[in-house]
Protein backbone atom coordinates (compact mmCIF):
# COMPACT_ATOMS: atom_id res chain seq x y z
CA MET A 1 114.04 66.32 83.99
CA GLY A 2 115.50 64.77 87.17
CA ILE A 3 118.01 62.04 86.45
CA TYR A 4 118.27 62.97 82.78
CA GLY A 5 119.10 66.57 83.64
CA ALA A 6 121.93 65.47 85.95
CA ALA A 7 123.27 63.09 83.30
CA LEU A 8 123.08 65.83 80.66
CA ARG A 9 124.98 68.28 82.90
CA GLU A 10 127.62 65.64 83.60
CA LEU A 11 128.01 64.93 79.87
CA GLU A 12 128.30 68.64 79.09
CA GLN A 13 130.98 69.03 81.78
CA TYR A 14 132.85 66.03 80.38
CA ARG A 15 132.76 67.53 76.87
CA ARG A 16 133.99 70.92 78.17
CA ASP A 17 136.85 69.22 80.02
CA GLU A 18 137.74 67.20 76.93
CA ALA A 19 137.72 70.30 74.71
CA ALA A 20 139.95 72.11 77.22
CA GLY A 21 142.48 69.26 77.12
CA LEU A 22 141.93 68.31 80.75
CA LEU A 23 141.28 64.63 80.13
CA LEU A 24 144.01 62.06 79.66
CA ARG A 25 143.51 58.75 77.88
CA LEU A 26 145.66 56.10 79.53
CA PRO A 27 147.05 53.14 77.57
CA VAL A 28 146.01 50.75 80.38
CA PRO A 29 144.15 51.20 83.68
CA LEU A 30 146.13 52.46 86.67
CA GLY A 31 147.49 49.52 88.64
CA ALA A 32 147.26 47.09 85.70
CA THR A 33 150.28 44.85 85.16
CA VAL A 34 152.61 46.20 82.47
CA TRP A 35 156.05 45.01 81.39
CA ARG A 36 159.22 47.07 81.77
CA VAL A 37 162.55 46.40 80.08
CA ARG A 38 165.42 47.36 82.37
CA ASP A 39 169.00 46.56 83.29
CA ASN A 40 169.31 43.31 85.21
CA PRO A 41 170.46 44.12 88.76
CA ALA A 42 171.94 40.61 89.01
CA CYS A 43 174.29 41.23 86.07
CA HIS A 44 177.07 43.41 87.42
CA TYR A 45 180.83 43.45 86.91
CA GLY A 46 181.59 40.78 89.54
CA VAL A 47 179.00 38.37 88.17
CA ARG A 48 180.15 38.89 84.58
CA GLU A 49 183.80 38.30 85.49
CA ALA A 50 182.97 35.18 87.53
CA GLU A 51 180.87 33.76 84.67
CA LYS A 52 183.68 34.43 82.19
CA PHE A 53 186.05 32.53 84.48
CA LEU A 54 183.65 29.63 85.15
CA PHE A 55 181.84 29.28 81.82
CA GLY A 56 184.05 31.14 79.38
CA ARG A 57 181.24 33.60 78.64
CA VAL A 58 178.61 35.73 80.36
CA VAL A 59 175.34 33.80 80.75
CA THR A 60 173.31 36.20 82.91
CA PRO A 61 171.25 38.53 80.69
CA ARG A 62 172.19 42.21 80.89
CA ARG A 63 168.56 43.33 80.53
CA ILE A 64 165.31 41.77 81.71
CA VAL A 65 161.56 42.17 81.20
CA GLU A 66 159.72 42.49 84.51
CA PRO A 67 156.05 42.93 85.45
CA ILE A 68 155.16 46.09 87.37
CA PRO A 69 151.90 47.92 88.19
CA PHE A 70 151.15 50.81 85.84
CA THR A 71 151.49 54.31 87.31
CA LEU A 72 151.38 57.76 85.75
CA ALA A 73 155.16 58.00 86.17
CA LEU A 74 155.54 55.35 83.44
CA LEU A 75 153.79 57.40 80.73
CA ASP A 76 157.02 58.90 79.35
CA ALA A 77 158.54 55.43 78.95
CA TRP A 78 155.40 53.95 77.35
CA GLY A 79 156.26 52.23 74.07
CA LYS A 80 160.00 52.69 74.68
CA THR A 81 160.74 50.50 77.70
CA VAL A 82 157.23 49.92 79.11
CA PHE A 83 154.68 47.75 77.28
CA SER A 84 151.23 46.28 77.86
CA THR A 85 152.33 42.69 77.15
CA GLU A 86 155.39 40.64 77.98
CA ALA A 87 155.71 39.66 74.31
CA GLU A 88 156.11 43.33 73.29
CA GLY A 89 158.82 43.78 75.91
CA ARG A 90 160.67 40.65 74.81
CA THR A 91 160.45 41.72 71.16
CA MET A 92 162.01 45.08 72.03
CA LEU A 93 164.68 43.34 74.11
CA GLU A 94 165.53 40.92 71.26
CA HIS A 95 165.65 43.78 68.75
CA ASP A 96 168.08 45.73 70.96
CA THR A 97 170.20 42.62 71.56
CA LYS A 98 170.48 41.98 67.81
CA ARG A 99 171.36 45.63 67.18
CA GLU A 100 174.06 45.53 69.89
CA GLY A 101 175.45 42.33 68.38
CA GLU A 102 175.69 43.92 64.93
CA SER A 103 177.63 46.90 66.29
CA SER A 104 180.10 44.72 68.24
CA PRO A 105 183.42 43.90 66.53
């Protein structure tokens, strides 16, 4: 059987691992660029106060969408603050911004 026997054994092992719940399907390959929504480190109290003084309003965004390499540590945040495309991240950011605006007096 040679090469076919080895391939068959490998397939059987794969199926056993899958049945045992040992395999994990990732949303994107490890190291691929994904987009994370997070607080903007450049928008802190001092910047906001200075912008209010200079411009009459805050112009620096409170949250940003940034590209980062995908790691297993990001799995819990997948679909919440981590997305496969920048557009998905921006859509989430805009949705949150609108919701915050509606709750403001």
